[in-house]
Amino acid sequence: MSFMSVRQLTLQELKLGFVQRDEDVSDFGACSTLSCDFRLLATGTGSMKVVLQHSASGEVGSFADIANVGWTITGSGGSARFVVISQFLRYVRVAVDGGTLDSGTPMAQLDIIGRA
């Protein structure tokens, strides 16, 4: 079975309005399933949601949230960290979808394994 492994989000501070840079978008065109491992290493107070977005073309303005995929970060921790996705378009990126951040520095990392 062929696969590809990508560190989609290197360990970094998450801020409201974060959208992954164009050069960090991953091409999973050869894959039919994505296994996502989200790790929250530090939290803040407030609440925000980290989402995966996808696009058929990878062009600016063409990305939309993948339905029912995301991790809610609150002051007490985060939601389920392992997610398997079988319906997605070719290009994938990470974004922070709204919320509030009162204090602290949420630090997170996301690894994705794509399987053919």
N, C-alpha and C. Protein backbone atom coordinates (compact mmCIF):
# COMPACT_ATOMS: atom_id res chain seq x y z
N MET A 1 0.85 -1.18 0.00
CA MET A 1 0.00 0.00 0.00
C MET A 1 0.89 1.24 0.00
N SER A 2 0.62 2.17 -0.88
CA SER A 2 1.42 3.39 -0.92
C SER A 2 0.79 4.46 -0.03
N PHE A 3 1.65 5.33 0.47
CA PHE A 3 1.18 6.39 1.34
C PHE A 3 2.14 7.56 1.28
N MET A 4 1.71 8.70 1.81
CA MET A 4 2.60 9.84 1.98
C MET A 4 2.35 10.42 3.36
N SER A 5 3.41 10.88 3.98
CA SER A 5 3.32 11.43 5.32
C SER A 5 3.77 12.89 5.28
N VAL A 6 2.94 13.78 5.85
CA VAL A 6 3.21 15.22 5.80
C VAL A 6 3.03 15.82 7.18
N ARG A 7 3.98 16.63 7.62
CA ARG A 7 3.75 17.45 8.81
C ARG A 7 3.07 18.70 8.31
N GLN A 8 1.74 18.68 8.31
CA GLN A 8 0.94 19.77 7.73
C GLN A 8 1.10 21.07 8.51
N LEU A 9 1.20 20.94 9.81
CA LEU A 9 1.36 22.12 10.66
C LEU A 9 2.52 21.85 11.61
N THR A 10 3.64 22.56 11.41
CA THR A 10 4.75 22.41 12.33
C THR A 10 4.35 23.02 13.67
N LEU A 11 4.99 22.61 14.73
CA LEU A 11 4.66 23.13 16.05
C LEU A 11 4.75 24.65 16.03
N GLN A 12 3.62 25.29 16.29
CA GLN A 12 3.59 26.74 16.26
C GLN A 12 2.44 27.29 17.07
N GLU A 13 2.56 28.57 17.37
CA GLU A 13 1.49 29.29 18.07
C GLU A 13 0.34 29.52 17.10
N LEU A 14 -0.87 29.27 17.58
CA LEU A 14 -2.06 29.52 16.76
C LEU A 14 -2.69 30.84 17.16
N LYS A 15 -3.04 31.62 16.17
CA LYS A 15 -3.68 32.91 16.41
C LYS A 15 -5.00 32.95 15.66
N LEU A 16 -5.91 33.77 16.15
CA LEU A 16 -7.18 33.95 15.46
C LEU A 16 -6.92 34.46 14.06
N GLY A 17 -7.63 33.94 13.07
CA GLY A 17 -7.48 34.37 11.70
C GLY A 17 -6.33 33.71 10.95
N PHE A 18 -5.62 32.77 11.59
CA PHE A 18 -4.50 32.09 10.94
C PHE A 18 -4.98 31.31 9.72
N VAL A 19 -4.26 31.44 8.60
CA VAL A 19 -4.47 30.63 7.40
C VAL A 19 -3.09 30.22 6.92
N GLN A 20 -2.92 28.95 6.63
CA GLN A 20 -1.63 28.44 6.20
C GLN A 20 -1.19 29.09 4.90
N ARG A 21 0.10 29.36 4.80
CA ARG A 21 0.67 30.00 3.61
C ARG A 21 0.51 29.11 2.38
N ASP A 22 0.44 29.73 1.21
CA ASP A 22 0.28 28.98 -0.04
C ASP A 22 1.37 27.93 -0.23
N GLU A 23 2.59 28.24 0.14
CA GLU A 23 3.69 27.29 -0.04
C GLU A 23 3.62 26.11 0.93
N ASP A 24 2.74 26.18 1.94
CA ASP A 24 2.59 25.08 2.89
C ASP A 24 1.37 24.21 2.62
N VAL A 25 0.63 24.51 1.54
CA VAL A 25 -0.52 23.70 1.14
C VAL A 25 0.01 22.35 0.64
N SER A 26 -0.67 21.26 1.00
CA SER A 26 -0.23 19.93 0.57
C SER A 26 -1.13 19.39 -0.53
N ASP A 27 -0.51 18.67 -1.46
CA ASP A 27 -1.21 18.05 -2.59
C ASP A 27 -1.42 16.57 -2.28
N PHE A 28 -2.66 16.18 -1.96
CA PHE A 28 -3.01 14.80 -1.66
C PHE A 28 -3.79 14.17 -2.81
N GLY A 29 -3.50 14.59 -4.04
CA GLY A 29 -4.22 14.12 -5.21
C GLY A 29 -4.14 12.62 -5.44
N ALA A 30 -3.08 11.97 -4.99
CA ALA A 30 -2.92 10.53 -5.19
C ALA A 30 -3.51 9.71 -4.05
N CYS A 31 -4.16 10.38 -3.10
CA CYS A 31 -4.65 9.70 -1.90
C CYS A 31 -6.17 9.63 -1.87
N SER A 32 -6.69 8.58 -1.25
CA SER A 32 -8.13 8.44 -1.10
C SER A 32 -8.58 8.61 0.35
N THR A 33 -7.63 8.51 1.29
CA THR A 33 -7.95 8.64 2.72
C THR A 33 -6.84 9.43 3.40
N LEU A 34 -7.24 10.32 4.31
CA LEU A 34 -6.28 11.06 5.13
C LEU A 34 -6.47 10.69 6.59
N SER A 35 -5.40 10.32 7.26
CA SER A 35 -5.42 10.06 8.69
C SER A 35 -4.70 11.23 9.36
N CYS A 36 -5.42 11.98 10.19
CA CYS A 36 -4.90 13.22 10.76
C CYS A 36 -4.66 13.06 12.26
N ASP A 37 -3.48 13.44 12.71
CA ASP A 37 -3.12 13.39 14.13
C ASP A 37 -2.81 14.81 14.59
N PHE A 38 -3.75 15.41 15.32
CA PHE A 38 -3.62 16.78 15.81
C PHE A 38 -3.13 16.73 17.25
N ARG A 39 -2.08 17.48 17.56
CA ARG A 39 -1.55 17.53 18.92
C ARG A 39 -1.56 18.95 19.45
N LEU A 40 -2.21 19.11 20.58
CA LEU A 40 -2.27 20.40 21.26
C LEU A 40 -1.29 20.34 22.42
N LEU A 41 -0.26 21.18 22.38
CA LEU A 41 0.80 21.10 23.38
C LEU A 41 0.73 22.21 24.43
N ALA A 42 -0.03 23.24 24.18
CA ALA A 42 -0.24 24.31 25.17
C ALA A 42 -1.57 24.96 24.85
N THR A 43 -2.26 25.43 25.87
CA THR A 43 -3.57 26.04 25.65
C THR A 43 -3.59 27.48 26.12
N GLY A 44 -4.65 28.16 25.80
CA GLY A 44 -4.90 29.50 26.29
C GLY A 44 -6.31 29.55 26.82
N THR A 45 -6.76 30.71 27.27
CA THR A 45 -8.15 30.83 27.69
C THR A 45 -8.95 31.39 26.54
N GLY A 46 -10.17 30.95 26.43
CA GLY A 46 -11.01 31.31 25.30
C GLY A 46 -11.32 30.05 24.52
N SER A 47 -11.71 30.20 23.28
CA SER A 47 -12.05 29.05 22.46
C SER A 47 -11.81 29.39 20.99
N MET A 48 -11.22 28.48 20.26
CA MET A 48 -11.02 28.65 18.82
C MET A 48 -11.11 27.29 18.16
N LYS A 49 -11.37 27.27 16.86
CA LYS A 49 -11.47 26.01 16.14
C LYS A 49 -10.45 25.97 15.02
N VAL A 50 -9.65 24.91 15.01
CA VAL A 50 -8.69 24.68 13.94
C VAL A 50 -9.38 23.77 12.93
N VAL A 51 -9.39 24.17 11.66
CA VAL A 51 -10.08 23.41 10.62
C VAL A 51 -9.12 23.03 9.50
N LEU A 52 -9.48 21.99 8.77
CA LEU A 52 -8.81 21.65 7.52
C LEU A 52 -9.67 22.18 6.39
N GLN A 53 -9.02 22.78 5.42
CA GLN A 53 -9.72 23.28 4.25
C GLN A 53 -9.19 22.55 3.02
N HIS A 54 -10.03 22.45 1.98
CA HIS A 54 -9.60 21.77 0.77
C HIS A 54 -10.01 22.56 -0.46
N SER A 55 -9.35 22.21 -1.58
CA SER A 55 -9.60 22.90 -2.85
C SER A 55 -9.25 21.94 -3.99
N ALA A 56 -9.96 22.06 -5.09
CA ALA A 56 -9.65 21.26 -6.28
C ALA A 56 -8.47 21.84 -7.04
N SER A 57 -8.31 23.18 -7.01
CA SER A 57 -7.29 23.83 -7.83
C SER A 57 -6.11 24.39 -7.03
N GLY A 58 -6.31 24.66 -5.75
CA GLY A 58 -5.25 25.25 -4.94
C GLY A 58 -5.12 26.75 -5.13
N GLU A 59 -6.02 27.35 -5.91
CA GLU A 59 -5.95 28.79 -6.18
C GLU A 59 -6.43 29.59 -4.99
N VAL A 60 -5.92 30.82 -4.88
CA VAL A 60 -6.34 31.73 -3.83
C VAL A 60 -7.85 31.93 -3.91
N GLY A 61 -8.52 31.85 -2.79
CA GLY A 61 -9.96 32.05 -2.75
C GLY A 61 -10.79 30.81 -3.06
N SER A 62 -10.12 29.68 -3.35
CA SER A 62 -10.87 28.48 -3.73
C SER A 62 -11.02 27.47 -2.59
N PHE A 63 -10.45 27.77 -1.42
CA PHE A 63 -10.49 26.83 -0.31
C PHE A 63 -11.77 26.95 0.50
N ALA A 64 -12.27 25.80 0.97
CA ALA A 64 -13.45 25.75 1.83
C ALA A 64 -13.19 24.71 2.92
N ASP A 65 -13.85 24.86 4.06
CA ASP A 65 -13.69 23.91 5.16
C ASP A 65 -14.14 22.52 4.73
N ILE A 66 -13.40 21.50 5.16
CA ILE A 66 -13.84 20.12 4.98
C ILE A 66 -14.92 19.87 6.02
N ALA A 67 -16.08 19.42 5.58
CA ALA A 67 -17.23 19.25 6.46
C ALA A 67 -16.93 18.31 7.63
N ASN A 68 -17.32 18.74 8.82
CA ASN A 68 -17.22 17.94 10.04
C ASN A 68 -15.79 17.58 10.44
N VAL A 69 -14.81 18.38 10.02
CA VAL A 69 -13.42 18.13 10.40
C VAL A 69 -12.87 19.38 11.07
N GLY A 70 -12.45 19.24 12.30
CA GLY A 70 -11.86 20.36 13.02
C GLY A 70 -11.59 19.99 14.46
N TRP A 71 -10.80 20.82 15.09
CA TRP A 71 -10.43 20.59 16.47
C TRP A 71 -10.70 21.86 17.26
N THR A 72 -11.58 21.77 18.25
CA THR A 72 -11.90 22.92 19.09
C THR A 72 -10.90 22.99 20.22
N ILE A 73 -10.30 24.16 20.37
CA ILE A 73 -9.31 24.38 21.43
C ILE A 73 -9.95 25.28 22.47
N THR A 74 -9.96 24.82 23.71
CA THR A 74 -10.48 25.63 24.82
C THR A 74 -9.41 25.71 25.89
N GLY A 75 -9.68 26.49 26.92
CA GLY A 75 -8.71 26.64 28.01
C GLY A 75 -8.39 25.34 28.72
N SER A 76 -9.28 24.36 28.62
CA SER A 76 -9.06 23.09 29.31
C SER A 76 -8.45 22.02 28.41
N GLY A 77 -8.21 22.33 27.16
CA GLY A 77 -7.63 21.34 26.25
C GLY A 77 -8.27 21.42 24.89
N GLY A 78 -8.37 20.29 24.23
CA GLY A 78 -8.92 20.28 22.89
C GLY A 78 -9.81 19.09 22.65
N SER A 79 -10.43 19.05 21.48
CA SER A 79 -11.32 17.96 21.12
C SER A 79 -10.52 16.79 20.57
N ALA A 80 -11.22 15.73 20.15
CA ALA A 80 -10.59 14.51 19.65
C ALA A 80 -9.46 14.82 18.69
N ARG A 81 -8.34 14.18 18.87
CA ARG A 81 -7.18 14.55 18.08
C ARG A 81 -7.01 13.74 16.81
N PHE A 82 -7.54 12.51 16.73
CA PHE A 82 -7.35 11.67 15.56
C PHE A 82 -8.61 11.66 14.70
N VAL A 83 -8.47 11.99 13.42
CA VAL A 83 -9.61 12.05 12.51
C VAL A 83 -9.21 11.37 11.19
N VAL A 84 -10.13 10.58 10.63
CA VAL A 84 -9.92 9.97 9.32
C VAL A 84 -10.88 10.63 8.34
N ILE A 85 -10.36 11.06 7.20
CA ILE A 85 -11.15 11.77 6.20
C ILE A 85 -11.13 10.98 4.89
N SER A 86 -12.31 10.73 4.34
CA SER A 86 -12.37 10.00 3.07
C SER A 86 -12.99 10.83 1.95
N GLN A 87 -13.53 12.01 2.28
CA GLN A 87 -14.09 12.88 1.24
C GLN A 87 -13.41 14.24 1.30
N PHE A 88 -12.55 14.48 0.32
CA PHE A 88 -11.80 15.74 0.26
C PHE A 88 -11.35 15.96 -1.18
N LEU A 89 -11.05 17.21 -1.49
CA LEU A 89 -10.50 17.56 -2.79
C LEU A 89 -8.98 17.42 -2.74
N ARG A 90 -8.29 17.83 -3.75
CA ARG A 90 -6.86 17.56 -3.91
C ARG A 90 -5.94 18.29 -2.92
N TYR A 91 -6.11 19.58 -2.75
CA TYR A 91 -5.19 20.39 -1.95
C TYR A 91 -5.76 20.63 -0.55
N VAL A 92 -4.88 20.58 0.46
CA VAL A 92 -5.32 20.69 1.86
C VAL A 92 -4.45 21.72 2.59
N ARG A 93 -5.10 22.52 3.45
CA ARG A 93 -4.38 23.46 4.30
C ARG A 93 -5.10 23.58 5.65
N VAL A 94 -4.45 24.26 6.59
CA VAL A 94 -4.98 24.47 7.94
C VAL A 94 -5.37 25.94 8.09
N ALA A 95 -6.46 26.18 8.84
CA ALA A 95 -6.89 27.55 9.16
C ALA A 95 -7.51 27.55 10.55
N VAL A 96 -7.55 28.73 11.17
CA VAL A 96 -8.26 28.91 12.43
C VAL A 96 -9.55 29.63 12.10
N ASP A 97 -10.67 29.00 12.45
CA ASP A 97 -11.99 29.48 12.08
C ASP A 97 -12.66 30.18 13.25
N GLY A 98 -12.40 31.46 13.40
CA GLY A 98 -13.08 32.27 14.41
C GLY A 98 -12.78 31.88 15.84
N GLY A 99 -13.58 32.42 16.75
CA GLY A 99 -13.42 32.15 18.16
C GLY A 99 -12.89 33.35 18.90
N THR A 100 -12.46 33.09 20.13
CA THR A 100 -11.88 34.14 20.97
C THR A 100 -10.63 33.61 21.63
N LEU A 101 -9.71 34.48 21.91
CA LEU A 101 -8.52 34.10 22.66
C LEU A 101 -8.28 35.20 23.68
N ASP A 102 -8.53 34.88 24.95
CA ASP A 102 -8.41 35.88 26.00
C ASP A 102 -6.98 36.01 26.50
N SER A 103 -6.32 34.90 26.68
CA SER A 103 -4.92 34.93 27.12
C SER A 103 -4.28 33.58 26.84
N GLY A 104 -2.98 33.53 26.94
CA GLY A 104 -2.25 32.29 26.71
C GLY A 104 -1.78 32.16 25.28
N THR A 105 -1.10 31.05 25.02
CA THR A 105 -0.51 30.80 23.72
C THR A 105 -0.78 29.36 23.31
N PRO A 106 -1.87 29.12 22.57
CA PRO A 106 -2.11 27.75 22.10
C PRO A 106 -1.02 27.33 21.12
N MET A 107 -0.42 26.18 21.36
CA MET A 107 0.63 25.63 20.50
C MET A 107 0.12 24.29 19.98
N ALA A 108 0.19 24.08 18.67
CA ALA A 108 -0.34 22.85 18.09
C ALA A 108 0.52 22.37 16.94
N GLN A 109 0.29 21.11 16.58
CA GLN A 109 1.01 20.46 15.49
C GLN A 109 0.04 19.48 14.83
N LEU A 110 0.16 19.30 13.51
CA LEU A 110 -0.73 18.39 12.80
C LEU A 110 0.08 17.56 11.79
N ASP A 111 -0.03 16.23 11.93
CA ASP A 111 0.58 15.32 10.98
C ASP A 111 -0.54 14.62 10.21
N ILE A 112 -0.34 14.44 8.90
CA ILE A 112 -1.32 13.76 8.05
C ILE A 112 -0.64 12.64 7.27
N ILE A 113 -1.26 11.48 7.28
CA ILE A 113 -0.83 10.37 6.45
C ILE A 113 -1.90 10.14 5.40
N GLY A 114 -1.52 10.28 4.14
CA GLY A 114 -2.44 10.05 3.04
C GLY A 114 -2.20 8.67 2.47
N ARG A 115 -3.28 7.90 2.28
CA ARG A 115 -3.17 6.56 1.75
C ARG A 115 -3.92 6.46 0.42
N ALA A 116 -3.33 5.73 -0.51
CA ALA A 116 -3.95 5.53 -1.82
C ALA A 116 -5.09 4.53 -1.74
